[in-house]
Amino acid sequence: MTIDSTQETSEIKRPGNFPGLLSLEKTQPHSWVELDRAAFMHNVTELARIVDSHTSLAAVVKSNAYGHGMIEIARLAQEHSSIDWLCTAGTSEALLLRERGITKKIIAMSFVDTDYDSPLIHNIHLAIYERSQLIDIQQAAYRTGRRAYVHLKVDTGMSRLGFLPEDVLNVIAEIGNYPGIYVCGIFTHLANPLSSEFSQKQNEQFEYVLDNLIKKNISLEYIHAFSSSGLLCLGKNKRHSLVRPGAGLFGLWKSEPFYQRVREQHPDIMLKSVLTWKTRIIHIKTVSAGSYVGYNGTFRTARETILAVLPVGYCDGYRRSFTNTGVVEVRGRRASVVGVVSMNMTTLDVTDIPGVVVGDQVTLIGNQKGVLAHECAERAGVITNELVVGIAPALVRYIV
């Protein structure tokens, strides 16, 4: 029999021709993230009330909005009147927001990872931190007929991106030779808001720059330095016209000591967890005392044990370091991770939780004590931001 290879290829391209092939709309996700709309809106309002009325909020949505879902969070931010700006890391994130209909002002805070023309066309502000950027930006302004709005980044102690404080005036003077570039803002980034001494040194460096601008009669519309941590630990600064909360918008805390410090300084502020990460139990079995669980036999049961298997693992962002240390919530009670967290599966000890059945929902990270993000991060040996950013982008995010 002769096979028509052209026809065969054509058939393969049409999934509907495969008998029994499931539509994605009919499948249930093995794991998903729920985003609490009310909690997000509450957190924005809480942060907005501790800044001066002349200070704008810029929601940081870089890195998939700290794992929460950049598009989903940007759409919530679009709804809140207290948020004027969104901050991304690169221009590719910013352009994706524009593509998805986000109209609020955007700053690409760290790098240009697209061509230079597109950000100008779509009114995206750029951070500049080295002179070599000026030529590229000016050429893009010439090609597009658009003015480039830039924010000068000042290195006050992070030793990453940014002009040194003593170079800022010269850079601004040099930009005067580039008619397509308009400096509308200046900013820095604090290395450790928990360290009052180091933060004070950085603030002094930034104030030095701002004082020099005043002496030269240079007025910039946007002055910013504080993230959530800076705002909550150091308080408002009347000279700043913009703050850049990220973690605070999501109700994330760096650690329990950090949470306690903020509560001491702002006893009336209450931030709520936005993210809940869930999955379902796919299998339950009972094993005898002395049974080994998982790869390499890192856990051995001391009694007859009921085990529940979850369809998540480190490929989903549930870290391998939760091996024999992780805690989740099942039926309102805590269950311990036993054995190695593998690529696609994790095993729990549910012996002491009555009535557990296949299909029960399990909270991996949530707003209950015991599975709060900063508690989970401490068990995993990482910072809170690293934990939530690591949640696989492919997992579906629902706004609830």
Protein backbone atom coordinates (compact mmCIF):
# COMPACT_ATOMS: atom_id res chain seq x y z
CA MET A 1 0.00 0.00 0.00
CA THR A 2 1.31 3.41 -0.92
CA ILE A 3 1.10 6.06 1.78
CA ASP A 4 0.46 9.67 0.80
CA SER A 5 2.95 11.38 3.13
CA THR A 6 1.47 14.80 2.40
CA GLN A 7 -1.99 13.66 3.45
CA GLU A 8 -0.60 11.89 6.52
CA THR A 9 1.15 15.07 7.69
CA SER A 10 -1.97 17.08 7.05
CA GLU A 11 -3.99 14.69 9.21
CA ILE A 12 -1.48 14.80 12.05
CA LYS A 13 -1.78 18.55 12.25
CA ARG A 14 -5.46 18.23 13.19
CA PRO A 15 -5.74 16.98 16.81
CA GLY A 16 -9.45 16.30 16.39
CA ASN A 17 -8.61 13.36 14.08
CA PHE A 18 -7.12 11.39 16.97
CA PRO A 19 -9.88 9.26 18.59
CA GLY A 20 -10.10 9.83 22.32
CA LEU A 21 -7.82 12.88 22.36
CA LEU A 22 -8.92 15.06 25.30
CA SER A 23 -9.75 18.70 24.85
CA LEU A 24 -7.66 20.82 27.20
CA GLU A 25 -10.85 22.54 28.32
CA LYS A 26 -12.07 19.22 29.75
CA THR A 27 -8.94 18.37 31.72
CA GLN A 28 -8.43 19.28 35.38
CA PRO A 29 -5.12 20.84 36.39
CA HIS A 30 -3.02 18.68 38.67
CA SER A 31 -1.96 21.78 40.54
CA TRP A 32 -3.08 25.40 40.43
CA VAL A 33 -2.66 28.81 42.02
CA GLU A 34 -5.56 30.85 43.40
CA LEU A 35 -5.20 34.63 43.65
CA ASP A 36 -7.38 36.42 46.17
CA ARG A 37 -8.67 39.57 44.48
CA ALA A 38 -9.95 41.08 47.73
CA ALA A 39 -6.63 40.48 49.50
CA PHE A 40 -4.69 42.19 46.71
CA MET A 41 -6.99 45.21 46.68
CA HIS A 42 -6.79 45.38 50.49
CA ASN A 43 -2.98 45.34 50.42
CA VAL A 44 -2.84 48.13 47.85
CA THR A 45 -5.10 50.26 50.03
CA GLU A 46 -3.03 49.50 53.14
CA LEU A 47 0.22 50.54 51.48
CA ALA A 48 -1.33 53.59 49.85
CA ARG A 49 -2.46 55.00 53.18
CA ILE A 50 1.07 55.08 54.64
CA VAL A 51 2.58 57.19 51.85
CA ASP A 52 2.11 60.91 51.27
CA SER A 53 -0.71 62.00 49.01
CA HIS A 54 1.79 63.27 46.42
CA THR A 55 3.51 59.87 46.21
CA SER A 56 2.47 57.43 43.49
CA LEU A 57 2.43 53.64 43.82
CA ALA A 58 4.25 51.54 41.25
CA ALA A 59 3.33 47.86 41.46
CA VAL A 60 6.31 45.61 40.79
CA VAL A 61 5.13 42.75 38.57
CA LYS A 62 8.50 41.50 37.31
CA SER A 63 9.36 37.79 37.27
CA ASN A 64 5.78 36.72 36.71
CA ALA A 65 4.65 39.02 39.54
CA TYR A 66 6.72 37.08 42.07
CA GLY A 67 5.20 33.84 40.82
CA HIS A 68 1.62 35.10 41.14
CA GLY A 69 1.10 35.59 37.40
CA MET A 70 2.16 38.84 35.76
CA ILE A 71 -0.87 39.25 33.50
CA GLU A 72 -3.37 38.36 36.23
CA ILE A 73 -1.82 40.75 38.76
CA ALA A 74 -1.41 43.52 36.18
CA ARG A 75 -5.11 43.28 35.40
CA LEU A 76 -5.94 43.64 39.09
CA ALA A 77 -3.55 46.59 39.32
CA GLN A 78 -5.24 48.13 36.30
CA GLU A 79 -8.49 48.18 38.31
CA HIS A 80 -7.10 49.94 41.40
CA SER A 81 -7.05 53.72 41.29
CA SER A 82 -4.16 53.96 43.78
CA ILE A 83 -1.75 52.21 41.40
CA ASP A 84 -0.33 54.56 38.77
CA TRP A 85 2.62 52.54 37.51
CA LEU A 86 3.78 48.99 36.89
CA CYS A 87 7.43 47.96 37.12
CA THR A 88 8.96 45.17 35.08
CA ALA A 89 12.53 43.92 34.94
CA GLY A 90 12.93 44.01 31.17
CA THR A 91 11.22 45.50 28.17
CA SER A 92 9.91 42.13 26.98
CA GLU A 93 7.73 41.89 30.10
CA ALA A 94 6.56 45.47 29.59
CA LEU A 95 5.63 44.88 25.96
CA LEU A 96 3.70 41.73 26.90
CA LEU A 97 1.65 43.83 29.31
CA ARG A 98 0.86 46.29 26.54
CA GLU A 99 -0.06 43.42 24.24
CA ARG A 100 -2.52 42.17 26.88
CA GLY A 101 -4.21 45.54 27.15
CA ILE A 102 -2.51 47.09 30.17
CA THR A 103 -2.59 50.86 29.77
CA LYS A 104 -1.05 52.15 32.99
CA LYS A 105 2.43 53.66 32.92
CA ILE A 106 5.29 51.15 32.91
CA ILE A 107 8.96 51.35 33.82
CA ALA A 108 11.39 48.65 32.65
CA MET A 109 13.64 48.81 35.69
CA SER A 110 16.64 46.70 34.75
CA PHE A 111 17.37 45.98 31.10
CA VAL A 112 16.32 46.21 27.47
CA ASP A 113 15.83 42.67 26.18
CA THR A 114 14.04 43.67 22.99
CA ASP A 115 14.80 46.20 20.29
CA TYR A 116 14.83 49.82 21.48
CA ASP A 117 12.10 51.01 19.14
CA SER A 118 9.20 49.01 20.59
CA PRO A 119 9.36 50.41 24.16
CA LEU A 120 9.29 53.96 22.79
CA ILE A 121 6.38 53.20 20.49
CA HIS A 122 4.41 51.76 23.41
CA ASN A 123 5.30 54.52 25.88
CA ILE A 124 7.44 52.41 28.19
CA HIS A 125 9.87 54.29 30.41
CA LEU A 126 13.43 52.98 30.50
CA ALA A 127 16.01 52.82 33.25
CA ILE A 128 19.47 53.93 32.20
CA TYR A 129 22.61 53.07 34.10
CA GLU A 130 25.46 53.40 31.60
CA ARG A 131 26.41 55.87 28.90
CA SER A 132 26.46 53.29 26.12
CA GLN A 133 22.65 53.13 26.29
CA LEU A 134 22.29 56.74 25.21
CA ILE A 135 23.25 56.24 21.57
CA ASP A 136 20.88 53.27 21.15
CA ILE A 137 18.01 55.17 22.75
CA GLN A 138 18.63 58.31 20.70
CA GLN A 139 18.71 56.31 17.48
CA ALA A 140 15.45 54.62 18.40
CA ALA A 141 13.90 58.01 19.14
CA TYR A 142 15.01 59.22 15.70
CA ARG A 143 13.64 56.13 13.93
CA THR A 144 10.28 56.15 15.69
CA GLY A 145 9.76 59.87 16.02
CA ARG A 146 9.02 59.24 19.72
CA ARG A 147 10.66 60.79 22.73
CA ALA A 148 12.32 58.37 25.17
CA TYR A 149 11.44 58.88 28.82
CA VAL A 150 14.19 57.63 31.09
CA HIS A 151 14.91 57.22 34.80
CA LEU A 152 18.54 57.45 35.90
CA LYS A 153 19.56 54.65 38.20
CA VAL A 154 22.04 55.62 40.91
CA ASP A 155 24.29 53.07 42.58
CA THR A 156 24.29 54.09 46.24
CA GLY A 157 25.73 50.86 47.59
CA MET A 158 24.31 47.82 45.81
CA SER A 159 27.25 47.76 43.36
CA ARG A 160 25.04 46.42 40.61
CA LEU A 161 23.47 48.69 38.00
CA GLY A 162 23.66 52.45 38.25
CA PHE A 163 25.77 55.57 37.88
CA LEU A 164 27.92 56.54 40.83
CA PRO A 165 26.53 59.54 42.75
CA GLU A 166 29.39 61.79 41.70
CA ASP A 167 28.72 61.06 37.99
CA VAL A 168 25.03 61.92 37.90
CA LEU A 169 25.33 65.62 37.05
CA ASN A 170 27.78 64.92 34.23
CA VAL A 171 25.47 62.24 32.82
CA ILE A 172 22.48 64.58 32.87
CA ALA A 173 24.56 67.25 31.13
CA GLU A 174 25.62 64.72 28.51
CA ILE A 175 22.01 63.68 27.90
CA GLY A 176 21.39 67.30 26.93
CA ASN A 177 23.18 66.43 23.69
CA TYR A 178 20.54 63.82 22.88
CA PRO A 179 17.30 65.62 21.95
CA GLY A 180 15.31 62.39 21.78
CA ILE A 181 15.91 61.56 25.45
CA TYR A 182 14.08 63.16 28.35
CA VAL A 183 15.15 62.48 31.93
CA CYS A 184 11.94 62.37 33.94
CA GLY A 185 13.09 60.37 36.93
CA ILE A 186 15.93 59.25 39.15
CA PHE A 187 16.05 56.27 41.49
CA THR A 188 18.13 53.93 43.58
CA HIS A 189 17.62 50.57 45.23
CA LEU A 190 18.26 49.71 48.87
CA ALA A 191 20.39 46.66 49.57
CA ASN A 192 19.06 45.89 53.04
CA PRO A 193 16.19 47.92 54.51
CA LEU A 194 16.44 45.82 57.68
CA SER A 195 19.86 47.33 58.33
CA SER A 196 19.19 50.89 59.49
CA GLU A 197 22.89 51.75 59.37
CA PHE A 198 23.51 50.60 55.80
CA SER A 199 20.20 52.01 54.57
CA GLN A 200 21.07 55.33 56.16
CA LYS A 201 24.35 55.41 54.23
CA GLN A 202 22.52 54.69 50.99
CA ASN A 203 19.93 57.35 51.77
CA GLU A 204 22.69 59.87 52.43
CA GLN A 205 24.23 59.09 49.04
CA PHE A 206 20.87 59.53 47.32
CA GLU A 207 20.14 62.75 49.21
CA TYR A 208 23.56 64.02 48.12
CA VAL A 209 22.52 63.47 44.49
CA LEU A 210 19.15 65.15 45.01
CA ASP A 211 20.79 68.15 46.71
CA ASN A 212 23.18 68.54 43.78
CA LEU A 213 20.25 68.53 41.37
CA ILE A 214 18.59 71.31 43.33
CA LYS A 215 21.77 73.37 43.27
CA LYS A 216 21.76 73.12 39.48
CA ASN A 217 18.04 73.93 39.29
CA ILE A 218 17.31 70.48 37.88
CA SER A 219 13.84 69.26 38.75
CA LEU A 220 12.81 65.66 38.05
CA GLU A 221 9.23 64.52 38.32
CA TYR A 222 9.83 61.01 39.63
CA ILE A 223 12.15 60.30 42.57
CA HIS A 224 12.06 56.80 44.02
CA ALA A 225 14.05 54.46 46.22
CA PHE A 226 11.73 52.37 48.39
CA SER A 227 10.39 48.90 47.76
CA SER A 228 7.87 47.36 50.16
CA SER A 229 10.61 46.68 52.70
CA GLY A 230 11.97 50.22 52.50
CA LEU A 231 8.52 51.71 52.90
CA LEU A 232 7.54 49.47 55.82
CA CYS A 233 10.87 49.62 57.67
CA LEU A 234 12.09 53.14 56.96
CA GLY A 235 8.84 55.06 56.55
CA LYS A 236 7.92 57.62 53.96
CA ASN A 237 10.33 60.18 52.53
CA LYS A 238 8.79 63.51 51.59
CA ARG A 239 11.25 63.98 48.73
CA HIS A 240 10.18 60.78 47.03
CA SER A 241 7.30 60.96 44.58
CA LEU A 242 7.11 57.24 43.82
CA VAL A 243 7.37 53.97 45.80
CA ARG A 244 7.75 50.51 44.28
CA PRO A 245 6.02 47.84 46.38
CA GLY A 246 6.31 44.25 45.25
CA ALA A 247 6.19 41.65 48.01
CA GLY A 248 3.96 43.83 50.18
CA LEU A 249 1.24 43.86 47.53
CA PHE A 250 1.12 40.09 47.75
CA GLY A 251 1.18 39.91 51.56
CA LEU A 252 4.63 38.30 51.54
CA TRP A 253 7.02 38.66 54.47
CA LYS A 254 10.76 38.09 54.32
CA SER A 255 10.76 36.26 57.63
CA GLU A 256 9.01 36.11 60.98
CA PRO A 257 11.47 38.66 62.53
CA PHE A 258 10.77 41.01 59.61
CA TYR A 259 7.04 40.60 60.14
CA GLN A 260 7.39 41.37 63.84
CA ARG A 261 9.48 44.47 63.12
CA VAL A 262 6.90 45.83 60.71
CA ARG A 263 4.13 45.14 63.19
CA GLU A 264 6.04 47.14 65.82
CA GLN A 265 6.43 50.11 63.49
CA HIS A 266 2.97 49.84 61.94
CA PRO A 267 0.74 48.11 64.50
CA ASP A 268 -2.37 48.97 62.54
CA ILE A 269 -1.23 47.60 59.19
CA MET A 270 -2.40 44.18 58.13
CA LEU A 271 -1.37 42.64 54.83
CA LYS A 272 -3.12 39.54 53.52
CA SER A 273 -1.72 36.61 51.55
CA VAL A 274 -2.85 36.80 47.93
CA LEU A 275 -1.51 33.45 46.73
CA THR A 276 -2.73 29.97 47.58
CA TRP A 277 -1.07 27.04 45.82
CA LYS A 278 -3.15 23.86 45.72
CA THR A 279 -3.13 20.34 44.42
CA ARG A 280 -5.15 17.12 44.93
CA ILE A 281 -4.34 13.72 46.38
CA ILE A 282 -4.12 11.13 43.60
CA HIS A 283 -3.35 7.97 45.61
CA ILE A 284 -3.51 6.67 49.17
CA LYS A 285 -1.87 3.55 50.54
CA THR A 286 -1.02 2.00 53.88
CA VAL A 287 2.48 0.65 54.48
CA SER A 288 3.88 -1.29 57.38
CA ALA A 289 6.36 -0.09 59.97
CA GLY A 290 9.90 -0.13 58.63
CA SER A 291 8.93 0.74 55.06
CA TYR A 292 11.15 3.07 53.05
CA VAL A 293 9.54 5.95 51.20
CA GLY A 294 10.81 7.54 48.00
CA TYR A 295 14.17 7.72 46.29
CA ASN A 296 17.27 6.72 48.23
CA GLY A 297 15.24 5.58 51.23
CA THR A 298 15.65 8.85 53.10
CA PHE A 299 12.52 8.19 55.20
CA ARG A 300 11.59 5.01 57.02
CA THR A 301 8.25 4.59 58.73
CA ALA A 302 8.28 4.00 62.48
CA ARG A 303 4.70 2.64 62.51
CA GLU A 304 2.02 1.49 60.15
CA THR A 305 1.58 4.61 58.05
CA ILE A 306 -1.04 5.99 55.69
CA LEU A 307 0.65 7.74 52.78
CA ALA A 308 -0.93 10.17 50.33
CA VAL A 309 0.68 10.91 46.97
CA LEU A 310 0.50 14.35 45.34
CA PRO A 311 1.01 14.97 41.60
CA VAL A 312 3.51 17.79 42.14
CA GLY A 313 7.25 17.92 42.45
CA TYR A 314 10.24 20.05 41.74
CA CYS A 315 9.24 20.40 38.07
CA ASP A 316 6.29 22.45 39.36
CA GLY A 317 8.46 24.50 41.71
CA TYR A 318 7.75 22.45 44.84
CA ARG A 319 11.31 22.34 46.00
CA ARG A 320 13.37 19.23 46.52
CA SER A 321 14.57 20.80 49.77
CA PHE A 322 11.08 20.09 51.19
CA THR A 323 12.24 16.49 51.42
CA ASN A 324 11.32 15.31 54.95
CA THR A 325 10.84 18.96 56.03
CA GLY A 326 7.81 20.22 54.10
CA VAL A 327 4.42 20.82 55.69
CA VAL A 328 1.10 21.11 53.83
CA GLU A 329 -2.54 21.52 54.83
CA VAL A 330 -5.06 18.69 54.35
CA ARG A 331 -8.60 18.86 55.69
CA GLY A 332 -7.64 21.81 57.88
CA ARG A 333 -4.74 19.95 59.48
CA ARG A 334 -1.03 19.77 58.83
CA ALA A 335 0.62 16.86 57.09
CA SER A 336 4.34 16.26 56.72
CA VAL A 337 6.22 15.57 53.52
CA VAL A 338 8.00 12.23 53.82
CA GLY A 339 10.66 10.96 51.49
CA VAL A 340 12.35 12.78 48.64
CA VAL A 341 10.32 15.32 46.69
CA SER A 342 10.68 13.93 43.19
CA MET A 343 10.18 15.47 39.79
CA ASN A 344 6.42 14.97 39.56
CA MET A 345 5.34 13.47 42.88
CA THR A 346 5.47 14.20 46.60
CA THR A 347 4.39 11.90 49.42
CA LEU A 348 2.67 12.86 52.68
CA ASP A 349 2.13 11.12 55.99
CA VAL A 350 -1.64 11.49 56.65
CA THR A 351 -1.94 8.80 59.31
CA ASP A 352 -3.27 11.20 61.95
CA ILE A 353 -5.77 12.99 59.70
CA PRO A 354 -9.12 11.19 59.69
CA GLY A 355 -11.11 10.69 56.53
CA VAL A 356 -8.51 11.58 53.91
CA VAL A 357 -9.56 10.35 50.47
CA VAL A 358 -8.31 10.53 46.91
CA GLY A 359 -9.31 13.88 45.41
CA ASP A 360 -8.95 15.86 48.64
CA GLN A 361 -7.48 19.31 48.05
CA VAL A 362 -4.09 20.01 49.56
CA THR A 363 -2.70 23.49 50.23
CA LEU A 364 1.02 23.71 49.54
CA ILE A 365 1.32 27.45 50.27
CA GLY A 366 -1.55 29.51 51.63
CA ASN A 367 -2.83 31.94 54.19
CA GLN A 368 -3.09 29.49 57.07
CA LYS A 369 -0.54 29.39 59.87
CA GLY A 370 1.91 26.62 59.07
CA VAL A 371 1.78 27.02 55.30
CA LEU A 372 2.41 30.77 55.05
CA ALA A 373 4.93 31.53 52.31
CA HIS A 374 7.67 32.74 54.67
CA GLU A 375 7.24 29.64 56.86
CA CYS A 376 7.52 27.35 53.85
CA ALA A 377 10.53 29.30 52.58
CA GLU A 378 12.32 28.87 55.89
CA ARG A 379 11.79 25.09 55.73
CA ALA A 380 13.09 25.07 52.16
CA GLY A 381 16.16 27.12 53.08
CA VAL A 382 15.35 29.96 50.68
CA ILE A 383 13.95 33.47 50.91
CA THR A 384 10.22 33.98 50.45
CA ASN A 385 10.52 35.69 47.07
CA GLU A 386 12.66 32.87 45.71
CA LEU A 387 10.11 30.29 46.79
CA VAL A 388 7.07 31.88 45.14
CA VAL A 389 8.92 33.02 42.01
CA GLY A 390 9.86 29.37 41.53
CA ILE A 391 6.25 28.23 41.13
CA ALA A 392 6.09 26.98 37.55
CA PRO A 393 4.71 29.65 35.18
CA ALA A 394 2.82 26.91 33.30
CA LEU A 395 0.52 26.29 36.27
CA VAL A 396 -2.84 27.96 35.81
CA ARG A 397 -3.59 31.03 37.95
CA TYR A 398 -7.19 31.76 38.94
CA ILE A 399 -8.42 35.06 40.33
CA VAL A 400 -10.95 34.20 43.05
